PDB file of N, CA and C in Angstrom:
ATOM      1  N   UNK A   1       0.518  -1.279   0.330  1.00  0.00           N
ATOM      2  CA  UNK A   1      -0.135   0.152  -0.220  1.00  0.00           C
ATOM      3  C   UNK A   1       1.212   1.239  -0.602  1.00  0.00           C
ATOM      4  N   UNK A   2       1.736   1.449   0.954  1.00  0.00           N
ATOM      5  CA  UNK A   2       2.347   2.151   0.615  1.00  0.00           C
ATOM      6  C   UNK A   2       3.790   3.417   0.060  1.00  0.00           C
ATOM      7  N   UNK A   3       3.882   1.471  -0.742  1.00  0.00           N
ATOM      8  CA  UNK A   3       5.027   2.219  -2.444  1.00  0.00           C
ATOM      9  C   UNK A   3       3.972   2.643  -3.394  1.00  0.00           C
ATOM     10  N   UNK A   4       2.415   2.536  -3.415  1.00  0.00           N
ATOM     11  CA  UNK A   4       1.112   2.325  -4.641  1.00  0.00           C
ATOM     12  C   UNK A   4       0.962   3.466  -4.237  1.00  0.00           C
ATOM     13  N   UNK A   5       0.569   4.040  -2.899  1.00  0.00           N
ATOM     14  CA  UNK A   5       0.747   5.709  -2.676  1.00  0.00           C
ATOM     15  C   UNK A   5       1.697   6.833  -3.125  1.00  0.00           C
ATOM     16  N   UNK A   6       2.882   6.041  -3.124  1.00  0.00           N
ATOM     17  CA  UNK A   6       4.730   6.719  -3.713  1.00  0.00           C
ATOM     18  C   UNK A   6       4.464   6.975  -4.797  1.00  0.00           C
ATOM     19  N   UNK A   7       3.960   5.890  -5.465  1.00  0.00           N
ATOM     20  CA  UNK A   7       4.042   5.302  -7.146  1.00  0.00           C
ATOM     21  C   UNK A   7       3.538   6.553  -7.670  1.00  0.00           C
ATOM     22  N   UNK A   8       2.061   6.514  -5.836  1.00  0.00           N
ATOM     23  CA  UNK A   8       1.136   7.510  -7.713  1.00  0.00           C
ATOM     24  C   UNK A   8       1.313   8.523  -7.305  1.00  0.00           C
ATOM     25  N   UNK A   9       1.995   9.114  -6.508  1.00  0.00           N
ATOM     26  CA  UNK A   9       2.716  10.291  -6.152  1.00  0.00           C
ATOM     27  C   UNK A   9       3.263  10.815  -7.163  1.00  0.00           C
ATOM     28  N   UNK A  10       4.536  10.116  -7.753  1.00  0.00           N
ATOM     29  CA  UNK A  10       5.609  10.563  -8.826  1.00  0.00           C
ATOM     30  C   UNK A  10       5.166  10.719 -10.288  1.00  0.00           C
ATOM     31  N   UNK A  11       3.850   9.295  -9.849  1.00  0.00           N
ATOM     32  CA  UNK A  11       3.311   9.309 -11.401  1.00  0.00           C
ATOM     33  C   UNK A  11       2.354  11.041 -11.589  1.00  0.00           C
ATOM     34  N   UNK A  12       1.662  11.285 -10.359  1.00  0.00           N
ATOM     35  CA  UNK A  12       0.751  12.973 -10.574  1.00  0.00           C
ATOM     36  C   UNK A  12       1.904  13.355 -10.825  1.00  0.00           C
ATOM     37  N   UNK A  13       2.969  13.527  -9.695  1.00  0.00           N
ATOM     38  CA  UNK A  13       3.799  15.194  -9.802  1.00  0.00           C
ATOM     39  C   UNK A  13       5.104  14.316 -10.793  1.00  0.00           C
ATOM     40  N   UNK A  14       4.143  13.406 -12.480  1.00  0.00           N
ATOM     41  CA  UNK A  14       5.515  13.542 -12.960  1.00  0.00           C
ATOM     42  C   UNK A  14       7.276  12.817 -12.675  1.00  0.00           C
ATOM     43  N   UNK A  15       7.695  12.369 -11.922  1.00  0.00           N
ATOM     44  CA  UNK A  15       8.955  12.376 -10.806  1.00  0.00           C
ATOM     45  C   UNK A  15       9.342  11.185 -11.809  1.00  0.00           C
ATOM     46  N   UNK A  16      10.025  11.293 -12.222  1.00  0.00           N
ATOM     47  CA  UNK A  16      10.474  10.345 -13.879  1.00  0.00           C
ATOM     48  C   UNK A  16      12.373   9.284 -12.371  1.00  0.00           C
ATOM     49  N   UNK A  17      12.165   9.946 -12.202  1.00  0.00           N
ATOM     50  CA  UNK A  17      13.386   9.708 -11.301  1.00  0.00           C
ATOM     51  C   UNK A  17      12.929   8.540  -9.960  1.00  0.00           C
ATOM     52  N   UNK A  18      12.089   8.929  -9.515  1.00  0.00           N
ATOM     53  CA  UNK A  18      11.565   7.765  -8.834  1.00  0.00           C
ATOM     54  C   UNK A  18      10.430   6.173  -9.275  1.00  0.00           C
ATOM     55  N   UNK A  19       9.936   7.113 -10.844  1.00  0.00           N
ATOM     56  CA  UNK A  19       9.404   5.687 -11.488  1.00  0.00           C
ATOM     57  C   UNK A  19      10.532   4.406 -11.544  1.00  0.00           C
ATOM     58  N   UNK A  20      11.969   5.264 -12.624  1.00  0.00           N
ATOM     59  CA  UNK A  20      12.153   4.122 -12.896  1.00  0.00           C
ATOM     60  C   UNK A  20      13.521   4.173 -11.541  1.00  0.00           C
ATOM     61  N   UNK A  21      12.853   4.489 -10.599  1.00  0.00           N
ATOM     62  CA  UNK A  21      14.400   3.661  -9.471  1.00  0.00           C
ATOM     63  C   UNK A  21      13.382   2.535  -9.332  1.00  0.00           C
ATOM     64  N   UNK A  22      12.036   2.856  -9.363  1.00  0.00           N
ATOM     65  CA  UNK A  22      11.228   1.533  -8.628  1.00  0.00           C
ATOM     66  C   UNK A  22      11.537   0.438  -9.407  1.00  0.00           C
ATOM     67  N   UNK A  23      11.108   0.549 -10.459  1.00  0.00           N
ATOM     68  CA  UNK A  23      10.870   0.350 -12.250  1.00  0.00           C
ATOM     69  C   UNK A  23      12.535   0.309 -13.138  1.00  0.00           C
ATOM     70  N   UNK A  24      13.193  -0.494 -12.090  1.00  0.00           N
ATOM     71  CA  UNK A  24      14.158  -0.301 -13.972  1.00  0.00           C
ATOM     72  C   UNK A  24      14.739  -1.008 -14.680  1.00  0.00           C
ATOM     73  N   UNK A  25      13.541  -2.203 -14.707  1.00  0.00           N
ATOM     74  CA  UNK A  25      13.801  -2.526 -16.267  1.00  0.00           C
ATOM     75  C   UNK A  25      11.943  -2.216 -16.646  1.00  0.00           C
ATOM     76  N   UNK A  26      11.477  -1.558 -16.587  1.00  0.00           N
ATOM     77  CA  UNK A  26      10.466  -0.708 -17.393  1.00  0.00           C
ATOM     78  C   UNK A  26      11.251  -0.468 -18.940  1.00  0.00           C
ATOM     79  N   UNK A  27       9.709  -0.903 -19.493  1.00  0.00           N
ATOM     80  CA  UNK A  27      10.252  -0.821 -21.057  1.00  0.00           C
ATOM     81  C   UNK A  27      10.466  -2.237 -22.090  1.00  0.00           C
ATOM     82  N   UNK A  28      11.104  -3.119 -20.817  1.00  0.00           N
ATOM     83  CA  UNK A  28      11.211  -4.623 -21.139  1.00  0.00           C
ATOM     84  C   UNK A  28      10.076  -5.186 -20.740  1.00  0.00           C
ATOM     85  N   UNK A  29       9.877  -6.706 -21.215  1.00  0.00           N
ATOM     86  CA  UNK A  29       8.830  -7.693 -21.026  1.00  0.00           C
ATOM     87  C   UNK A  29       9.200  -7.982 -19.561  1.00  0.00           C
ATOM     88  N   UNK A  30       7.722  -7.901 -18.779  1.00  0.00           N
ATOM     89  CA  UNK A  30       7.468  -7.356 -17.265  1.00  0.00           C
ATOM     90  C   UNK A  30       8.389  -6.664 -16.545  1.00  0.00           C
ATOM     91  N   UNK A  31       8.574  -5.377 -17.200  1.00  0.00           N
ATOM     92  CA  UNK A  31       9.384  -4.272 -16.320  1.00  0.00           C
ATOM     93  C   UNK A  31       8.498  -3.601 -16.311  1.00  0.00           C
ATOM     94  N   UNK A  32       6.766  -3.477 -15.963  1.00  0.00           N
ATOM     95  CA  UNK A  32       6.510  -2.613 -14.750  1.00  0.00           C
ATOM     96  C   UNK A  32       5.904  -3.282 -13.610  1.00  0.00           C
ATOM     97  N   UNK A  33       6.131  -4.554 -13.235  1.00  0.00           N
ATOM     98  CA  UNK A  33       6.314  -5.387 -12.032  1.00  0.00           C
ATOM     99  C   UNK A  33       6.940  -4.946 -10.741  1.00  0.00           C
ATOM    100  N   UNK A  34       6.322  -5.387 -10.249  1.00  0.00           N
ATOM    101  CA  UNK A  34       7.473  -4.271  -7.837  1.00  0.00           C
ATOM    102  C   UNK A  34       7.096  -6.147  -7.420  1.00  0.00           C
ATOM    103  N   UNK A  35       8.594  -6.594  -7.122  1.00  0.00           N
ATOM    104  CA  UNK A  35       8.686  -7.565  -6.178  1.00  0.00           C
ATOM    105  C   UNK A  35       8.160  -7.171  -5.078  1.00  0.00           C
ATOM    106  N   UNK A  36       7.500  -8.264  -4.233  1.00  0.00           N
ATOM    107  CA  UNK A  36       6.888  -7.723  -2.862  1.00  0.00           C
ATOM    108  C   UNK A  36       7.467  -7.951  -2.179  1.00  0.00           C
ATOM    109  N   UNK A  37       8.222  -9.113  -2.528  1.00  0.00           N
ATOM    110  CA  UNK A  37       8.877 -10.169  -1.188  1.00  0.00           C
ATOM    111  C   UNK A  37       7.724 -11.268  -0.679  1.00  0.00           C
ATOM    112  N   UNK A  38       7.088 -12.013  -1.338  1.00  0.00           N
ATOM    113  CA  UNK A  38       6.102 -12.478  -0.971  1.00  0.00           C
ATOM    114  C   UNK A  38       7.012 -13.846  -0.007  1.00  0.00           C
ATOM    115  N   UNK A  39       6.439 -14.118   0.589  1.00  0.00           N
ATOM    116  CA  UNK A  39       7.274 -15.043   1.161  1.00  0.00           C
ATOM    117  C   UNK A  39       5.589 -16.960   2.148  1.00  0.00           C
ATOM    118  N   UNK A  40       6.213 -17.500   1.818  1.00  0.00           N
ATOM    119  CA  UNK A  40       5.049 -19.066   1.464  1.00  0.00           C
ATOM    120  C   UNK A  40       5.975 -20.445   2.914  1.00  0.00           C
ATOM    121  N   UNK A  41       4.985 -20.158   4.166  1.00  0.00           N
ATOM    122  CA  UNK A  41       5.635 -21.444   5.416  1.00  0.00           C
ATOM    123  C   UNK A  41       5.342 -21.687   5.367  1.00  0.00           C
ATOM    124  N   UNK A  42       5.729 -23.076   5.680  1.00  0.00           N
ATOM    125  CA  UNK A  42       5.182 -24.070   5.466  1.00  0.00           C
ATOM    126  C   UNK A  42       5.527 -24.942   6.722  1.00  0.00           C
ATOM    127  N   UNK A  43       4.712 -26.057   7.145  1.00  0.00           N
ATOM    128  CA  UNK A  43       5.360 -26.854   8.821  1.00  0.00           C
ATOM    129  C   UNK A  43       6.399 -26.770   8.794  1.00  0.00           C
ATOM    130  N   UNK A  44       7.208 -27.247   9.339  1.00  0.00           N
ATOM    131  CA  UNK A  44       8.874 -28.117   9.734  1.00  0.00           C
ATOM    132  C   UNK A  44       9.275 -29.638   9.115  1.00  0.00           C
ATOM    133  N   UNK A  45       7.239 -30.579   8.769  1.00  0.00           N
ATOM    134  CA  UNK A  45       7.750 -31.587   8.016  1.00  0.00           C
ATOM    135  C   UNK A  45       5.954 -31.841   8.016  1.00  0.00           C
ATOM    136  N   UNK A  46       6.415 -32.787   6.962  1.00  0.00           N
ATOM    137  CA  UNK A  46       5.186 -33.206   6.483  1.00  0.00           C
ATOM    138  C   UNK A  46       4.323 -32.359   5.361  1.00  0.00           C
ATOM    139  N   UNK A  47       5.044 -30.661   4.543  1.00  0.00           N
ATOM    140  CA  UNK A  47       4.353 -29.860   3.555  1.00  0.00           C
ATOM    141  C   UNK A  47       4.104 -31.022   2.536  1.00  0.00           C
ATOM    142  N   UNK A  48       3.235 -31.260   1.748  1.00  0.00           N
ATOM    143  CA  UNK A  48       3.146 -31.264   0.253  1.00  0.00           C
ATOM    144  C   UNK A  48       4.016 -30.473  -0.955  1.00  0.00           C
ATOM    145  N   UNK A  49       3.843 -28.967   0.041  1.00  0.00           N
ATOM    146  CA  UNK A  49       4.012 -27.240  -0.886  1.00  0.00           C
ATOM    147  C   UNK A  49       5.936 -27.834  -0.950  1.00  0.00           C
ATOM    148  N   UNK A  50       6.396 -28.018  -1.676  1.00  0.00           N
ATOM    149  CA  UNK A  50       8.268 -27.394  -1.776  1.00  0.00           C
ATOM    150  C   UNK A  50       8.180 -26.389  -3.266  1.00  0.00           C
ATOM    151  N   UNK A  51       9.805 -25.403  -2.409  1.00  0.00           N
ATOM    152  CA  UNK A  51       9.579 -24.616  -2.568  1.00  0.00           C
ATOM    153  C   UNK A  51       9.980 -24.066  -4.406  1.00  0.00           C
ATOM    154  N   UNK A  52      10.580 -25.702  -5.573  1.00  0.00           N
ATOM    155  CA  UNK A  52      10.362 -25.657  -5.986  1.00  0.00           C
ATOM    156  C   UNK A  52       9.104 -25.381  -6.996  1.00  0.00           C
ATOM    157  N   UNK A  53       7.873 -25.065  -6.515  1.00  0.00           N
ATOM    158  CA  UNK A  53       7.023 -25.458  -6.871  1.00  0.00           C
ATOM    159  C   UNK A  53       6.571 -23.229  -6.995  1.00  0.00           C
ATOM    160  N   UNK A  54       7.186 -23.160  -6.455  1.00  0.00           N
ATOM    161  CA  UNK A  54       7.116 -21.641  -6.687  1.00  0.00           C
ATOM    162  C   UNK A  54       8.166 -20.550  -7.306  1.00  0.00           C
ATOM    163  N   UNK A  55       7.576 -19.283  -8.126  1.00  0.00           N
ATOM    164  CA  UNK A  55       8.747 -18.700  -8.099  1.00  0.00           C
ATOM    165  C   UNK A  55       9.373 -18.257  -7.174  1.00  0.00           C
ATOM    166  N   UNK A  56      10.730 -18.132  -8.652  1.00  0.00           N
ATOM    167  CA  UNK A  56      11.709 -18.417  -8.210  1.00  0.00           C
ATOM    168  C   UNK A  56      11.913 -17.051  -7.039  1.00  0.00           C
ATOM    169  N   UNK A  57      11.123 -16.460  -7.174  1.00  0.00           N
ATOM    170  CA  UNK A  57      11.495 -15.097  -5.948  1.00  0.00           C
ATOM    171  C   UNK A  57      10.697 -14.652  -4.574  1.00  0.00           C
ATOM    172  N   UNK A  58      10.006 -15.973  -4.796  1.00  0.00           N
ATOM    173  CA  UNK A  58       9.052 -15.603  -3.548  1.00  0.00           C
ATOM    174  C   UNK A  58       9.940 -16.987  -2.384  1.00  0.00           C
ATOM    175  N   UNK A  59       9.755 -16.380  -1.343  1.00  0.00           N
ATOM    176  CA  UNK A  59      10.906 -16.471  -0.392  1.00  0.00           C
ATOM    177  C   UNK A  59       9.802 -18.669   0.260  1.00  0.00           C
ATOM    178  N   UNK A  60      10.885 -19.380   0.479  1.00  0.00           N
ATOM    179  CA  UNK A  60      10.519 -20.567   1.194  1.00  0.00           C
ATOM    180  C   UNK A  60      10.574 -20.324   2.282  1.00  0.00           C
ATOM    181  N   UNK A  61       9.741 -21.174   3.268  1.00  0.00           N
ATOM    182  CA  UNK A  61      10.380 -21.177   4.924  1.00  0.00           C
ATOM    183  C   UNK A  61       9.962 -22.563   5.726  1.00  0.00           C
ATOM    184  N   UNK A  62       9.925 -22.770   6.173  1.00  0.00           N
ATOM    185  CA  UNK A  62       9.796 -23.795   7.588  1.00  0.00           C
ATOM    186  C   UNK A  62       9.499 -22.670   8.133  1.00  0.00           C
ATOM    187  N   UNK A  63       8.493 -23.522   8.563  1.00  0.00           N
ATOM    188  CA  UNK A  63       7.568 -22.431  10.112  1.00  0.00           C
ATOM    189  C   UNK A  63       9.210 -22.260  11.325  1.00  0.00           C
ATOM    190  N   UNK A  64       9.587 -23.138  11.085  1.00  0.00           N
ATOM    191  CA  UNK A  64      10.539 -22.797  12.058  1.00  0.00           C
ATOM    192  C   UNK A  64      11.906 -21.748  11.517  1.00  0.00           C
ATOM    193  N   UNK A  65      12.144 -21.784  10.273  1.00  0.00           N
ATOM    194  CA  UNK A  65      12.805 -20.309   9.720  1.00  0.00           C
ATOM    195  C   UNK A  65      12.561 -19.339   9.606  1.00  0.00           C
ATOM    196  N   UNK A  66      11.038 -19.139   9.664  1.00  0.00           N
ATOM    197  CA  UNK A  66       9.852 -17.578   9.529  1.00  0.00           C
ATOM    198  C   UNK A  66      10.354 -17.554  11.257  1.00  0.00           C
ATOM    199  N   UNK A  67       9.855 -18.390  11.858  1.00  0.00           N
ATOM    200  CA  UNK A  67      10.256 -17.572  13.426  1.00  0.00           C
ATOM    201  C   UNK A  67      11.514 -17.171  13.750  1.00  0.00           C
ATOM    202  N   UNK A  68      12.391 -17.776  13.108  1.00  0.00           N
ATOM    203  CA  UNK A  68      14.315 -16.812  13.893  1.00  0.00           C
ATOM    204  C   UNK A  68      14.045 -15.660  12.730  1.00  0.00           C
ATOM    205  N   UNK A  69      13.326 -15.148  11.363  1.00  0.00           N
ATOM    206  CA  UNK A  69      13.528 -14.376  10.876  1.00  0.00           C
ATOM    207  C   UNK A  69      12.148 -13.535  11.531  1.00  0.00           C
ATOM    208  N   UNK A  70      11.056 -13.823  12.191  1.00  0.00           N
ATOM    209  CA  UNK A  70      10.784 -12.971  12.870  1.00  0.00           C
ATOM    210  C   UNK A  70      11.241 -12.173  14.374  1.00  0.00           C
ATOM    211  N   UNK A  71      11.999 -12.971  14.625  1.00  0.00           N
ATOM    212  CA  UNK A  71      12.689 -12.665  15.944  1.00  0.00           C
ATOM    213  C   UNK A  71      14.278 -12.002  15.860  1.00  0.00           C
ATOM    214  N   UNK A  72      14.685 -12.130  14.209  1.00  0.00           N
ATOM    215  CA  UNK A  72      15.722 -11.127  14.046  1.00  0.00           C
ATOM    216  C   UNK A  72      15.693 -10.080  13.922  1.00  0.00           C
ATOM    217  N   UNK A  73      13.804  -9.777  13.815  1.00  0.00           N
ATOM    218  CA  UNK A  73      13.833  -8.023  13.413  1.00  0.00           C
ATOM    219  C   UNK A  73      12.883  -7.856  14.760  1.00  0.00           C
ATOM    220  N   UNK A  74      12.658  -8.345  15.385  1.00  0.00           N
ATOM    221  CA  UNK A  74      11.928  -8.176  17.066  1.00  0.00           C
ATOM    222  C   UNK A  74      10.266  -8.365  16.694  1.00  0.00           C
ATOM    223  N   UNK A  75       9.636  -8.901  15.854  1.00  0.00           N
ATOM    224  CA  UNK A  75       8.704  -9.274  15.111  1.00  0.00           C
ATOM    225  C   UNK A  75       7.724 -10.112  15.911  1.00  0.00           C
ATOM    226  N   UNK A  76       6.699  -9.787  16.431  1.00  0.00           N
ATOM    227  CA  UNK A  76       5.808 -11.096  16.633  1.00  0.00           C
ATOM    228  C   UNK A  76       5.167 -11.074  15.395  1.00  0.00           C
ATOM    229  N   UNK A  77       4.769 -11.358  14.623  1.00  0.00           N
ATOM    230  CA  UNK A  77       4.114 -11.150  13.801  1.00  0.00           C
ATOM    231  C   UNK A  77       4.044 -10.825  11.317  1.00  0.00           C
ATOM    232  N   UNK A  78       4.113 -12.021  10.866  1.00  0.00           N
ATOM    233  CA  UNK A  78       3.685 -10.908   9.282  1.00  0.00           C
ATOM    234  C   UNK A  78       2.842 -10.221   9.238  1.00  0.00           C
TER     235      UNK A  78
END
């Protein structure tokens, strides 16, 4: 949401520098996509989901790995 508001403001104000920073591959195939960092969290054992089932940009974590990530940033949830 926050980035969308920033982008909207930049587009209204014709701030091409900001738009170019947000979309460095603009004009190329899929150059208008902005990656937000999707995370998929699965149980430590027994999940039918596997990392290779997802896009290469998707962060695939077990619950234990996710809890460590939360602790690293002193977060309670995501």
